[in-house]
Amino acid sequence: MLKATNLPMTGTFGGIKVLYLILTIAGSIEPWFWLLQDPAALLSPSLFLQQAFANNIAAGLTADLLISAIAFFCFVWFELKRLNVPRTWIILYIGLTFGVGLSCSLPFFLYRREQHLERTV
């Protein structure tokens, strides 16, 4: 079993928060740029799923994204507990994942996590 290390947080690259914030912004714009190219698919869940699994490449990417999202939710659940942050925050990350995309929710979580770690150290 892996054990957590208690490495000092001082001297860490402070620009990582800026990078996470930039990735959050990019991750909130980029998926919608492509999704708005076909608004009919956004209004029809069955058409959306049909197009998400339209061919082997799309199906592979969709399955990869779903598995990554599940792993992200598990990570968030345990990380919130470890950081002593209310687990109700997971609702926000689930909403961002399914409302915008994992490309937005993951860097936003990492940004908020860095904020929390800075406050507690």
PDB file of N, CA and C in Angstrom:
ATOM      1  N   MET A   1       0.842  -1.180   0.000  1.00  0.00           N
ATOM      2  CA  MET A   1       0.000   0.000   0.000  1.00  0.00           C
ATOM      3  C   MET A   1       0.887   1.243   0.000  1.00  0.00           C
ATOM      4  N   LEU A   2       0.572   2.207  -0.820  1.00  0.00           N
ATOM      5  CA  LEU A   2       1.340   3.442  -0.868  1.00  0.00           C
ATOM      6  C   LEU A   2       1.010   4.307   0.325  1.00  0.00           C
ATOM      7  N   LYS A   3       2.018   4.973   0.850  1.00  0.00           N
ATOM      8  CA  LYS A   3       1.808   5.872   1.970  1.00  0.00           C
ATOM      9  C   LYS A   3       2.036   7.295   1.499  1.00  0.00           C
ATOM     10  N   ALA A   4       1.270   8.204   2.066  1.00  0.00           N
ATOM     11  CA  ALA A   4       1.427   9.609   1.722  1.00  0.00           C
ATOM     12  C   ALA A   4       2.718  10.128   2.332  1.00  0.00           C
ATOM     13  N   THR A   5       3.390  10.970   1.586  1.00  0.00           N
ATOM     14  CA  THR A   5       4.592  11.591   2.126  1.00  0.00           C
ATOM     15  C   THR A   5       4.247  12.981   2.608  1.00  0.00           C
ATOM     16  N   ASN A   6       4.902  13.399   3.632  1.00  0.00           N
ATOM     17  CA  ASN A   6       4.681  14.736   4.174  1.00  0.00           C
ATOM     18  C   ASN A   6       5.785  15.659   3.689  1.00  0.00           C
ATOM     19  N   LEU A   7       5.808  15.919   2.394  1.00  0.00           N
ATOM     20  CA  LEU A   7       6.801  16.813   1.827  1.00  0.00           C
ATOM     21  C   LEU A   7       6.403  18.247   2.120  1.00  0.00           C
ATOM     22  N   PRO A   8       7.349  19.093   2.411  1.00  0.00           N
ATOM     23  CA  PRO A   8       7.004  20.488   2.675  1.00  0.00           C
ATOM     24  C   PRO A   8       6.449  21.149   1.418  1.00  0.00           C
ATOM     25  N   MET A   9       5.434  21.974   1.595  1.00  0.00           N
ATOM     26  CA  MET A   9       4.789  22.635   0.471  1.00  0.00           C
ATOM     27  C   MET A   9       5.451  23.963   0.134  1.00  0.00           C
ATOM     28  N   THR A  10       6.360  24.417   0.983  1.00  0.00           N
ATOM     29  CA  THR A  10       7.016  25.686   0.713  1.00  0.00           C
ATOM     30  C   THR A  10       7.946  25.525  -0.476  1.00  0.00           C
ATOM     31  N   GLY A  11       8.027  26.554  -1.280  1.00  0.00           N
ATOM     32  CA  GLY A  11       8.911  26.519  -2.433  1.00  0.00           C
ATOM     33  C   GLY A  11       8.306  25.832  -3.648  1.00  0.00           C
ATOM     34  N   THR A  12       7.038  25.411  -3.564  1.00  0.00           N
ATOM     35  CA  THR A  12       6.437  24.793  -4.735  1.00  0.00           C
ATOM     36  C   THR A  12       6.164  25.870  -5.773  1.00  0.00           C
ATOM     37  N   PHE A  13       6.055  25.449  -6.992  1.00  0.00           N
ATOM     38  CA  PHE A  13       5.835  26.379  -8.097  1.00  0.00           C
ATOM     39  C   PHE A  13       4.459  27.024  -7.954  1.00  0.00           C
ATOM     40  N   GLY A  14       4.437  28.312  -7.605  1.00  0.00           N
ATOM     41  CA  GLY A  14       3.182  29.033  -7.401  1.00  0.00           C
ATOM     42  C   GLY A  14       2.397  29.230  -8.680  1.00  0.00           C
ATOM     43  N   GLY A  15       3.069  29.124  -9.823  1.00  0.00           N
ATOM     44  CA  GLY A  15       2.390  29.312 -11.092  1.00  0.00           C
ATOM     45  C   GLY A  15       1.475  28.160 -11.469  1.00  0.00           C
ATOM     46  N   ILE A  16       1.517  27.075 -10.711  1.00  0.00           N
ATOM     47  CA  ILE A  16       0.668  25.930 -11.047  1.00  0.00           C
ATOM     48  C   ILE A  16      -0.806  26.295 -10.920  1.00  0.00           C
ATOM     49  N   LYS A  17      -1.130  27.159  -9.948  1.00  0.00           N
ATOM     50  CA  LYS A  17      -2.524  27.604  -9.814  1.00  0.00           C
ATOM     51  C   LYS A  17      -2.964  28.374 -11.048  1.00  0.00           C
ATOM     52  N   VAL A  18      -2.085  29.207 -11.567  1.00  0.00           N
ATOM     53  CA  VAL A  18      -2.406  29.972 -12.773  1.00  0.00           C
ATOM     54  C   VAL A  18      -2.619  29.023 -13.945  1.00  0.00           C
ATOM     55  N   LEU A  19      -1.756  28.011 -14.058  1.00  0.00           N
ATOM     56  CA  LEU A  19      -1.911  27.017 -15.122  1.00  0.00           C
ATOM     57  C   LEU A  19      -3.248  26.293 -14.996  1.00  0.00           C
ATOM     58  N   TYR A  20      -3.601  25.860 -13.771  1.00  0.00           N
ATOM     59  CA  TYR A  20      -4.891  25.190 -13.559  1.00  0.00           C
ATOM     60  C   TYR A  20      -6.051  26.108 -13.926  1.00  0.00           C
ATOM     61  N   LEU A  21      -5.950  27.377 -13.598  1.00  0.00           N
ATOM     62  CA  LEU A  21      -7.022  28.317 -13.927  1.00  0.00           C
ATOM     63  C   LEU A  21      -7.137  28.511 -15.444  1.00  0.00           C
ATOM     64  N   ILE A  22      -6.006  28.617 -16.124  1.00  0.00           N
ATOM     65  CA  ILE A  22      -6.026  28.751 -17.589  1.00  0.00           C
ATOM     66  C   ILE A  22      -6.629  27.498 -18.225  1.00  0.00           C
ATOM     67  N   LEU A  23      -6.244  26.319 -17.713  1.00  0.00           N
ATOM     68  CA  LEU A  23      -6.804  25.074 -18.239  1.00  0.00           C
ATOM     69  C   LEU A  23      -8.301  24.960 -17.957  1.00  0.00           C
ATOM     70  N   THR A  24      -8.746  25.480 -16.812  1.00  0.00           N
ATOM     71  CA  THR A  24     -10.181  25.491 -16.501  1.00  0.00           C
ATOM     72  C   THR A  24     -10.938  26.338 -17.518  1.00  0.00           C
ATOM     73  N   ILE A  25     -10.401  27.503 -17.812  1.00  0.00           N
ATOM     74  CA  ILE A  25     -11.055  28.396 -18.773  1.00  0.00           C
ATOM     75  C   ILE A  25     -11.058  27.762 -20.167  1.00  0.00           C
ATOM     76  N   ALA A  26      -9.905  27.251 -20.587  1.00  0.00           N
ATOM     77  CA  ALA A  26      -9.835  26.591 -21.899  1.00  0.00           C
ATOM     78  C   ALA A  26     -10.754  25.372 -21.937  1.00  0.00           C
ATOM     79  N   GLY A  27     -10.801  24.630 -20.832  1.00  0.00           N
ATOM     80  CA  GLY A  27     -11.635  23.431 -20.763  1.00  0.00           C
ATOM     81  C   GLY A  27     -13.116  23.731 -20.682  1.00  0.00           C
ATOM     82  N   SER A  28     -13.468  24.973 -20.402  1.00  0.00           N
ATOM     83  CA  SER A  28     -14.882  25.326 -20.422  1.00  0.00           C
ATOM     84  C   SER A  28     -15.304  25.882 -21.780  1.00  0.00           C
ATOM     85  N   ILE A  29     -14.354  26.388 -22.541  1.00  0.00           N
ATOM     86  CA  ILE A  29     -14.662  26.951 -23.864  1.00  0.00           C
ATOM     87  C   ILE A  29     -14.595  25.883 -24.957  1.00  0.00           C
ATOM     88  N   GLU A  30     -13.535  25.102 -24.962  1.00  0.00           N
ATOM     89  CA  GLU A  30     -13.269  24.158 -26.053  1.00  0.00           C
ATOM     90  C   GLU A  30     -14.377  23.133 -26.275  1.00  0.00           C
ATOM     91  N   PRO A  31     -14.881  22.454 -25.244  1.00  0.00           N
ATOM     92  CA  PRO A  31     -15.943  21.470 -25.529  1.00  0.00           C
ATOM     93  C   PRO A  31     -17.181  22.109 -26.146  1.00  0.00           C
ATOM     94  N   TRP A  32     -17.546  23.281 -25.651  1.00  0.00           N
ATOM     95  CA  TRP A  32     -18.754  23.928 -26.166  1.00  0.00           C
ATOM     96  C   TRP A  32     -18.561  24.455 -27.580  1.00  0.00           C
ATOM     97  N   PHE A  33     -17.336  24.793 -27.944  1.00  0.00           N
ATOM     98  CA  PHE A  33     -17.080  25.197 -29.325  1.00  0.00           C
ATOM     99  C   PHE A  33     -17.501  24.073 -30.272  1.00  0.00           C
ATOM    100  N   TRP A  34     -17.119  22.849 -29.937  1.00  0.00           N
ATOM    101  CA  TRP A  34     -17.448  21.713 -30.792  1.00  0.00           C
ATOM    102  C   TRP A  34     -18.899  21.289 -30.644  1.00  0.00           C
ATOM    103  N   LEU A  35     -19.423  21.332 -29.448  1.00  0.00           N
ATOM    104  CA  LEU A  35     -20.815  20.910 -29.238  1.00  0.00           C
ATOM    105  C   LEU A  35     -21.805  21.843 -29.929  1.00  0.00           C
ATOM    106  N   LEU A  36     -21.485  23.118 -29.969  1.00  0.00           N
ATOM    107  CA  LEU A  36     -22.402  24.070 -30.602  1.00  0.00           C
ATOM    108  C   LEU A  36     -22.386  23.978 -32.130  1.00  0.00           C
ATOM    109  N   GLN A  37     -21.466  23.191 -32.679  1.00  0.00           N
ATOM    110  CA  GLN A  37     -21.452  22.971 -34.121  1.00  0.00           C
ATOM    111  C   GLN A  37     -22.656  22.142 -34.571  1.00  0.00           C
ATOM    112  N   ASP A  38     -23.226  21.385 -33.638  1.00  0.00           N
ATOM    113  CA  ASP A  38     -24.392  20.543 -33.941  1.00  0.00           C
ATOM    114  C   ASP A  38     -25.418  20.691 -32.815  1.00  0.00           C
ATOM    115  N   PRO A  39     -26.164  21.801 -32.804  1.00  0.00           N
ATOM    116  CA  PRO A  39     -27.108  22.046 -31.708  1.00  0.00           C
ATOM    117  C   PRO A  39     -28.233  21.017 -31.634  1.00  0.00           C
ATOM    118  N   ALA A  40     -28.553  20.352 -32.734  1.00  0.00           N
ATOM    119  CA  ALA A  40     -29.613  19.341 -32.712  1.00  0.00           C
ATOM    120  C   ALA A  40     -29.239  18.188 -31.783  1.00  0.00           C
ATOM    121  N   ALA A  41     -27.965  17.817 -31.774  1.00  0.00           N
ATOM    122  CA  ALA A  41     -27.513  16.726 -30.906  1.00  0.00           C
ATOM    123  C   ALA A  41     -27.589  17.116 -29.434  1.00  0.00           C
ATOM    124  N   LEU A  42     -27.439  18.402 -29.144  1.00  0.00           N
ATOM    125  CA  LEU A  42     -27.534  18.864 -27.753  1.00  0.00           C
ATOM    126  C   LEU A  42     -28.965  18.793 -27.233  1.00  0.00           C
ATOM    127  N   LEU A  43     -29.920  18.929 -28.122  1.00  0.00           N
ATOM    128  CA  LEU A  43     -31.323  18.940 -27.714  1.00  0.00           C
ATOM    129  C   LEU A  43     -31.934  17.545 -27.684  1.00  0.00           C
ATOM    130  N   SER A  44     -31.239  16.564 -28.216  1.00  0.00           N
ATOM    131  CA  SER A  44     -31.753  15.207 -28.262  1.00  0.00           C
ATOM    132  C   SER A  44     -30.749  14.244 -27.622  1.00  0.00           C
ATOM    133  N   PRO A  45     -31.023  13.785 -26.394  1.00  0.00           N
ATOM    134  CA  PRO A  45     -30.083  12.858 -25.744  1.00  0.00           C
ATOM    135  C   PRO A  45     -29.819  11.596 -26.558  1.00  0.00           C
ATOM    136  N   SER A  46     -30.840  11.071 -27.231  1.00  0.00           N
ATOM    137  CA  SER A  46     -30.623   9.854 -28.013  1.00  0.00           C
ATOM    138  C   SER A  46     -29.699  10.126 -29.203  1.00  0.00           C
ATOM    139  N   LEU A  47     -29.865  11.258 -29.877  1.00  0.00           N
ATOM    140  CA  LEU A  47     -28.982  11.625 -30.982  1.00  0.00           C
ATOM    141  C   LEU A  47     -27.564  11.877 -30.472  1.00  0.00           C
ATOM    142  N   PHE A  48     -27.449  12.522 -29.313  1.00  0.00           N
ATOM    143  CA  PHE A  48     -26.147  12.781 -28.717  1.00  0.00           C
ATOM    144  C   PHE A  48     -25.402  11.468 -28.464  1.00  0.00           C
ATOM    145  N   LEU A  49     -26.074  10.501 -27.837  1.00  0.00           N
ATOM    146  CA  LEU A  49     -25.448   9.208 -27.559  1.00  0.00           C
ATOM    147  C   LEU A  49     -25.132   8.447 -28.844  1.00  0.00           C
ATOM    148  N   GLN A  50     -26.024   8.553 -29.827  1.00  0.00           N
ATOM    149  CA  GLN A  50     -25.785   7.896 -31.109  1.00  0.00           C
ATOM    150  C   GLN A  50     -24.507   8.447 -31.747  1.00  0.00           C
ATOM    151  N   GLN A  51     -24.337   9.763 -31.704  1.00  0.00           N
ATOM    152  CA  GLN A  51     -23.145  10.363 -32.296  1.00  0.00           C
ATOM    153  C   GLN A  51     -21.900  10.118 -31.442  1.00  0.00           C
ATOM    154  N   ALA A  52     -22.069  10.012 -30.126  1.00  0.00           N
ATOM    155  CA  ALA A  52     -20.926   9.742 -29.246  1.00  0.00           C
ATOM    156  C   ALA A  52     -20.345   8.357 -29.500  1.00  0.00           C
ATOM    157  N   PHE A  53     -21.193   7.431 -29.967  1.00  0.00           N
ATOM    158  CA  PHE A  53     -20.750   6.067 -30.262  1.00  0.00           C
ATOM    159  C   PHE A  53     -20.883   5.757 -31.757  1.00  0.00           C
ATOM    160  N   ALA A  54     -20.739   6.787 -32.602  1.00  0.00           N
ATOM    161  CA  ALA A  54     -20.983   6.653 -34.040  1.00  0.00           C
ATOM    162  C   ALA A  54     -20.001   5.717 -34.743  1.00  0.00           C
ATOM    163  N   ASN A  55     -18.773   5.664 -34.285  1.00  0.00           N
ATOM    164  CA  ASN A  55     -17.771   4.774 -34.891  1.00  0.00           C
ATOM    165  C   ASN A  55     -16.826   4.306 -33.800  1.00  0.00           C
ATOM    166  N   ASN A  56     -15.886   3.474 -34.167  1.00  0.00           N
ATOM    167  CA  ASN A  56     -14.983   2.894 -33.169  1.00  0.00           C
ATOM    168  C   ASN A  56     -14.130   3.945 -32.466  1.00  0.00           C
ATOM    169  N   ILE A  57     -13.691   4.942 -33.195  1.00  0.00           N
ATOM    170  CA  ILE A  57     -12.855   5.980 -32.592  1.00  0.00           C
ATOM    171  C   ILE A  57     -13.673   6.809 -31.608  1.00  0.00           C
ATOM    172  N   ALA A  58     -14.863   7.244 -32.015  1.00  0.00           N
ATOM    173  CA  ALA A  58     -15.715   8.020 -31.123  1.00  0.00           C
ATOM    174  C   ALA A  58     -16.116   7.196 -29.901  1.00  0.00           C
ATOM    175  N   ALA A  59     -16.438   5.917 -30.105  1.00  0.00           N
ATOM    176  CA  ALA A  59     -16.812   5.043 -28.988  1.00  0.00           C
ATOM    177  C   ALA A  59     -15.647   4.864 -28.017  1.00  0.00           C
ATOM    178  N   GLY A  60     -14.446   4.709 -28.556  1.00  0.00           N
ATOM    179  CA  GLY A  60     -13.267   4.570 -27.702  1.00  0.00           C
ATOM    180  C   GLY A  60     -13.005   5.816 -26.887  1.00  0.00           C
ATOM    181  N   LEU A  61     -13.106   6.979 -27.529  1.00  0.00           N
ATOM    182  CA  LEU A  61     -12.904   8.238 -26.807  1.00  0.00           C
ATOM    183  C   LEU A  61     -14.001   8.475 -25.769  1.00  0.00           C
ATOM    184  N   THR A  62     -15.240   8.147 -26.108  1.00  0.00           N
ATOM    185  CA  THR A  62     -16.349   8.310 -25.173  1.00  0.00           C
ATOM    186  C   THR A  62     -16.184   7.395 -23.970  1.00  0.00           C
ATOM    187  N   ALA A  63     -15.837   6.126 -24.216  1.00  0.00           N
ATOM    188  CA  ALA A  63     -15.629   5.179 -23.113  1.00  0.00           C
ATOM    189  C   ALA A  63     -14.450   5.623 -22.248  1.00  0.00           C
ATOM    190  N   ASP A  64     -13.384   6.085 -22.866  1.00  0.00           N
ATOM    191  CA  ASP A  64     -12.220   6.578 -22.130  1.00  0.00           C
ATOM    192  C   ASP A  64     -12.612   7.753 -21.234  1.00  0.00           C
ATOM    193  N   LEU A  65     -13.398   8.661 -21.770  1.00  0.00           N
ATOM    194  CA  LEU A  65     -13.840   9.825 -21.008  1.00  0.00           C
ATOM    195  C   LEU A  65     -14.737   9.425 -19.840  1.00  0.00           C
ATOM    196  N   LEU A  66     -15.639   8.479 -20.060  1.00  0.00           N
ATOM    197  CA  LEU A  66     -16.523   8.033 -18.975  1.00  0.00           C
ATOM    198  C   LEU A  66     -15.737   7.357 -17.853  1.00  0.00           C
ATOM    199  N   ILE A  67     -14.777   6.525 -18.218  1.00  0.00           N
ATOM    200  CA  ILE A  67     -13.958   5.862 -17.205  1.00  0.00           C
ATOM    201  C   ILE A  67     -13.100   6.890 -16.463  1.00  0.00           C
ATOM    202  N   SER A  68     -12.560   7.860 -17.183  1.00  0.00           N
ATOM    203  CA  SER A  68     -11.774   8.922 -16.550  1.00  0.00           C
ATOM    204  C   SER A  68     -12.626   9.744 -15.597  1.00  0.00           C
ATOM    205  N   ALA A  69     -13.868  10.020 -15.975  1.00  0.00           N
ATOM    206  CA  ALA A  69     -14.766  10.781 -15.111  1.00  0.00           C
ATOM    207  C   ALA A  69     -15.064  10.006 -13.830  1.00  0.00           C
ATOM    208  N   ILE A  70     -15.297   8.707 -13.939  1.00  0.00           N
ATOM    209  CA  ILE A  70     -15.565   7.888 -12.752  1.00  0.00           C
ATOM    210  C   ILE A  70     -14.340   7.887 -11.836  1.00  0.00           C
ATOM    211  N   ALA A  71     -13.156   7.731 -12.416  1.00  0.00           N
ATOM    212  CA  ALA A  71     -11.923   7.765 -11.617  1.00  0.00           C
ATOM    213  C   ALA A  71     -11.753   9.130 -10.954  1.00  0.00           C
ATOM    214  N   PHE A  72     -12.081  10.191 -11.668  1.00  0.00           N
ATOM    215  CA  PHE A  72     -12.002  11.548 -11.116  1.00  0.00           C
ATOM    216  C   PHE A  72     -12.942  11.706  -9.933  1.00  0.00           C
ATOM    217  N   PHE A  73     -14.181  11.225 -10.065  1.00  0.00           N
ATOM    218  CA  PHE A  73     -15.135  11.339  -8.957  1.00  0.00           C
ATOM    219  C   PHE A  73     -14.654  10.574  -7.730  1.00  0.00           C
ATOM    220  N   CYS A  74     -14.072   9.402  -7.930  1.00  0.00           N
ATOM    221  CA  CYS A  74     -13.518   8.626  -6.800  1.00  0.00           C
ATOM    222  C   CYS A  74     -12.379   9.396  -6.150  1.00  0.00           C
ATOM    223  N   PHE A  75     -11.482   9.952  -6.965  1.00  0.00           N
ATOM    224  CA  PHE A  75     -10.362  10.724  -6.444  1.00  0.00           C
ATOM    225  C   PHE A  75     -10.866  11.928  -5.643  1.00  0.00           C
ATOM    226  N   VAL A  76     -11.829  12.655  -6.201  1.00  0.00           N
ATOM    227  CA  VAL A  76     -12.370  13.827  -5.520  1.00  0.00           C
ATOM    228  C   VAL A  76     -12.991  13.427  -4.188  1.00  0.00           C
ATOM    229  N   TRP A  77     -13.756  12.343  -4.176  1.00  0.00           N
ATOM    230  CA  TRP A  77     -14.435  11.900  -2.955  1.00  0.00           C
ATOM    231  C   TRP A  77     -13.437  11.684  -1.815  1.00  0.00           C
ATOM    232  N   PHE A  78     -12.360  10.967  -2.104  1.00  0.00           N
ATOM    233  CA  PHE A  78     -11.374  10.668  -1.067  1.00  0.00           C
ATOM    234  C   PHE A  78     -10.467  11.860  -0.765  1.00  0.00           C
ATOM    235  N   GLU A  79     -10.174  12.665  -1.771  1.00  0.00           N
ATOM    236  CA  GLU A  79      -9.323  13.835  -1.550  1.00  0.00           C
ATOM    237  C   GLU A  79     -10.045  14.888  -0.711  1.00  0.00           C
ATOM    238  N   LEU A  80     -11.345  15.067  -0.929  1.00  0.00           N
ATOM    239  CA  LEU A  80     -12.104  16.004  -0.104  1.00  0.00           C
ATOM    240  C   LEU A  80     -12.084  15.568   1.354  1.00  0.00           C
ATOM    241  N   LYS A  81     -12.214  14.272   1.582  1.00  0.00           N
ATOM    242  CA  LYS A  81     -12.162  13.768   2.958  1.00  0.00           C
ATOM    243  C   LYS A  81     -10.772  13.987   3.548  1.00  0.00           C
ATOM    244  N   ARG A  82      -9.733  13.682   2.779  1.00  0.00           N
ATOM    245  CA  ARG A  82      -8.362  13.845   3.263  1.00  0.00           C
ATOM    246  C   ARG A  82      -8.051  15.292   3.603  1.00  0.00           C
ATOM    247  N   LEU A  83      -8.575  16.219   2.807  1.00  0.00           N
ATOM    248  CA  LEU A  83      -8.326  17.637   3.029  1.00  0.00           C
ATOM    249  C   LEU A  83      -9.297  18.256   4.026  1.00  0.00           C
ATOM    250  N   ASN A  84     -10.231  17.447   4.514  1.00  0.00           N
ATOM    251  CA  ASN A  84     -11.243  17.918   5.462  1.00  0.00           C
ATOM    252  C   ASN A  84     -12.113  19.032   4.861  1.00  0.00           C
ATOM    253  N   VAL A  85     -12.489  18.830   3.606  1.00  0.00           N
ATOM    254  CA  VAL A  85     -13.390  19.743   2.891  1.00  0.00           C
ATOM    255  C   VAL A  85     -14.737  19.035   2.800  1.00  0.00           C
ATOM    256  N   PRO A  86     -15.843  19.748   3.003  1.00  0.00           N
ATOM    257  CA  PRO A  86     -17.153  19.078   2.912  1.00  0.00           C
ATOM    258  C   PRO A  86     -17.323  18.359   1.580  1.00  0.00           C
ATOM    259  N   ARG A  87     -17.775  17.128   1.670  1.00  0.00           N
ATOM    260  CA  ARG A  87     -17.939  16.315   0.457  1.00  0.00           C
ATOM    261  C   ARG A  87     -19.074  16.791  -0.434  1.00  0.00           C
ATOM    262  N   THR A  88     -19.873  17.706   0.041  1.00  0.00           N
ATOM    263  CA  THR A  88     -20.935  18.246  -0.818  1.00  0.00           C
ATOM    264  C   THR A  88     -20.356  18.991  -2.021  1.00  0.00           C
ATOM    265  N   TRP A  89     -19.073  19.352  -1.953  1.00  0.00           N
ATOM    266  CA  TRP A  89     -18.416  19.994  -3.087  1.00  0.00           C
ATOM    267  C   TRP A  89     -18.390  19.084  -4.304  1.00  0.00           C
ATOM    268  N   ILE A  90     -18.503  17.780  -4.088  1.00  0.00           N
ATOM    269  CA  ILE A  90     -18.465  16.855  -5.232  1.00  0.00           C
ATOM    270  C   ILE A  90     -19.629  17.127  -6.188  1.00  0.00           C
ATOM    271  N   ILE A  91     -20.720  17.663  -5.669  1.00  0.00           N
ATOM    272  CA  ILE A  91     -21.872  17.996  -6.526  1.00  0.00           C
ATOM    273  C   ILE A  91     -21.461  19.011  -7.587  1.00  0.00           C
ATOM    274  N   LEU A  92     -20.659  19.997  -7.193  1.00  0.00           N
ATOM    275  CA  LEU A  92     -20.180  20.998  -8.150  1.00  0.00           C
ATOM    276  C   LEU A  92     -19.333  20.340  -9.241  1.00  0.00           C
ATOM    277  N   TYR A  93     -18.431  19.439  -8.845  1.00  0.00           N
ATOM    278  CA  TYR A  93     -17.539  18.802  -9.819  1.00  0.00           C
ATOM    279  C   TYR A  93     -18.298  17.852 -10.746  1.00  0.00           C
ATOM    280  N   ILE A  94     -19.306  17.177 -10.230  1.00  0.00           N
ATOM    281  CA  ILE A  94     -20.149  16.329 -11.083  1.00  0.00           C
ATOM    282  C   ILE A  94     -20.925  17.205 -12.064  1.00  0.00           C
ATOM    283  N   GLY A  95     -21.489  18.306 -11.567  1.00  0.00           N
ATOM    284  CA  GLY A  95     -22.220  19.226 -12.435  1.00  0.00           C
ATOM    285  C   GLY A  95     -21.341  19.808 -13.528  1.00  0.00           C
ATOM    286  N   LEU A  96     -20.112  20.215 -13.156  1.00  0.00           N
ATOM    287  CA  LEU A  96     -19.195  20.747 -14.166  1.00  0.00           C
ATOM    288  C   LEU A  96     -18.806  19.685 -15.189  1.00  0.00           C
ATOM    289  N   THR A  97     -18.622  18.451 -14.714  1.00  0.00           N
ATOM    290  CA  THR A  97     -18.222  17.381 -15.630  1.00  0.00           C
ATOM    291  C   THR A  97     -19.294  17.106 -16.664  1.00  0.00           C
ATOM    292  N   PHE A  98     -20.549  16.977 -16.209  1.00  0.00           N
ATOM    293  CA  PHE A  98     -21.615  16.650 -17.156  1.00  0.00           C
ATOM    294  C   PHE A  98     -22.216  17.883 -17.828  1.00  0.00           C
ATOM    295  N   GLY A  99     -22.016  19.063 -17.247  1.00  0.00           N
ATOM    296  CA  GLY A  99     -22.541  20.282 -17.843  1.00  0.00           C
ATOM    297  C   GLY A  99     -21.575  20.956 -18.795  1.00  0.00           C
ATOM    298  N   VAL A 100     -20.290  20.818 -18.524  1.00  0.00           N
ATOM    299  CA  VAL A 100     -19.267  21.446 -19.364  1.00  0.00           C
ATOM    300  C   VAL A 100     -18.330  20.373 -19.904  1.00  0.00           C
ATOM    301  N   GLY A 101     -17.647  19.675 -19.008  1.00  0.00           N
ATOM    302  CA  GLY A 101     -16.738  18.615 -19.433  1.00  0.00           C
ATOM    303  C   GLY A 101     -15.676  18.357 -18.382  1.00  0.00           C
ATOM    304  N   LEU A 102     -15.090  17.189 -18.460  1.00  0.00           N
ATOM    305  CA  LEU A 102     -14.005  16.823 -17.557  1.00  0.00           C
ATOM    306  C   LEU A 102     -12.820  17.764 -17.738  1.00  0.00           C
ATOM    307  N   SER A 103     -12.670  18.297 -18.936  1.00  0.00           N
ATOM    308  CA  SER A 103     -11.575  19.232 -19.219  1.00  0.00           C
ATOM    309  C   SER A 103     -11.737  20.537 -18.449  1.00  0.00           C
ATOM    310  N   CYS A 104     -12.901  20.797 -17.907  1.00  0.00           N
ATOM    311  CA  CYS A 104     -13.141  21.960 -17.056  1.00  0.00           C
ATOM    312  C   CYS A 104     -13.108  21.562 -15.578  1.00  0.00           C
ATOM    313  N   SER A 105     -13.798  20.492 -15.225  1.00  0.00           N
ATOM    314  CA  SER A 105     -13.936  20.134 -13.811  1.00  0.00           C
ATOM    315  C   SER A 105     -12.626  19.661 -13.183  1.00  0.00           C
ATOM    316  N   LEU A 106     -11.816  18.913 -13.909  1.00  0.00           N
ATOM    317  CA  LEU A 106     -10.558  18.418 -13.340  1.00  0.00           C
ATOM    318  C   LEU A 106      -9.584  19.560 -13.027  1.00  0.00           C
ATOM    319  N   PRO A 107      -9.271  20.451 -13.973  1.00  0.00           N
ATOM    320  CA  PRO A 107      -8.355  21.536 -13.591  1.00  0.00           C
ATOM    321  C   PRO A 107      -8.956  22.475 -12.552  1.00  0.00           C
ATOM    322  N   PHE A 108     -10.294  22.644 -12.547  1.00  0.00           N
ATOM    323  CA  PHE A 108     -10.912  23.488 -11.523  1.00  0.00           C
ATOM    324  C   PHE A 108     -10.743  22.856 -10.144  1.00  0.00           C
ATOM    325  N   PHE A 109     -10.927  21.530 -10.052  1.00  0.00           N
ATOM    326  CA  PHE A 109     -10.699  20.843  -8.779  1.00  0.00           C
ATOM    327  C   PHE A 109      -9.251  21.017  -8.328  1.00  0.00           C
ATOM    328  N   LEU A 110      -8.309  20.848  -9.254  1.00  0.00           N
ATOM    329  CA  LEU A 110      -6.898  20.987  -8.901  1.00  0.00           C
ATOM    330  C   LEU A 110      -6.574  22.411  -8.463  1.00  0.00           C
ATOM    331  N   TYR A 111      -7.204  23.393  -9.104  1.00  0.00           N
ATOM    332  CA  TYR A 111      -7.044  24.795  -8.703  1.00  0.00           C
ATOM    333  C   TYR A 111      -7.549  25.009  -7.286  1.00  0.00           C
ATOM    334  N   ARG A 112      -8.763  24.533  -6.997  1.00  0.00           N
ATOM    335  CA  ARG A 112      -9.342  24.693  -5.658  1.00  0.00           C
ATOM    336  C   ARG A 112      -8.519  23.933  -4.615  1.00  0.00           C
ATOM    337  N   ARG A 113      -7.989  22.775  -4.999  1.00  0.00           N
ATOM    338  CA  ARG A 113      -7.165  21.981  -4.095  1.00  0.00           C
ATOM    339  C   ARG A 113      -5.894  22.742  -3.735  1.00  0.00           C
ATOM    340  N   GLU A 114      -5.248  23.368  -4.728  1.00  0.00           N
ATOM    341  CA  GLU A 114      -4.056  24.175  -4.456  1.00  0.00           C
ATOM    342  C   GLU A 114      -4.387  25.334  -3.536  1.00  0.00           C
ATOM    343  N   GLN A 115      -5.528  25.984  -3.748  1.00  0.00           N
ATOM    344  CA  GLN A 115      -5.950  27.068  -2.863  1.00  0.00           C
ATOM    345  C   GLN A 115      -6.071  26.569  -1.427  1.00  0.00           C
ATOM    346  N   HIS A 116      -6.722  25.442  -1.270  1.00  0.00           N
ATOM    347  CA  HIS A 116      -6.926  24.880   0.069  1.00  0.00           C
ATOM    348  C   HIS A 116      -5.579  24.525   0.713  1.00  0.00           C
ATOM    349  N   LEU A 117      -4.695  23.909  -0.056  1.00  0.00           N
ATOM    350  CA  LEU A 117      -3.384  23.524   0.494  1.00  0.00           C
ATOM    351  C   LEU A 117      -2.573  24.752   0.897  1.00  0.00           C
ATOM    352  N   GLU A 118      -2.682  25.827   0.138  1.00  0.00           N
ATOM    353  CA  GLU A 118      -1.970  27.069   0.496  1.00  0.00           C
ATOM    354  C   GLU A 118      -2.490  27.645   1.813  1.00  0.00           C
ATOM    355  N   ARG A 119      -3.796  27.576   2.003  1.00  0.00           N
ATOM    356  CA  ARG A 119      -4.393  28.126   3.229  1.00  0.00           C
ATOM    357  C   ARG A 119      -4.043  27.310   4.463  1.00  0.00           C
ATOM    358  N   THR A 120      -3.865  26.004   4.300  1.00  0.00           N
ATOM    359  CA  THR A 120      -3.660  25.147   5.450  1.00  0.00           C
ATOM    360  C   THR A 120      -2.193  24.944   5.803  1.00  0.00           C
ATOM    361  N   VAL A 121      -1.295  25.371   4.937  1.00  0.00           N
ATOM    362  CA  VAL A 121       0.135  25.165   5.226  1.00  0.00           C
ATOM    363  C   VAL A 121       0.701  26.372   5.927  1.00  0.00           C
TER     364      VAL A 121
END
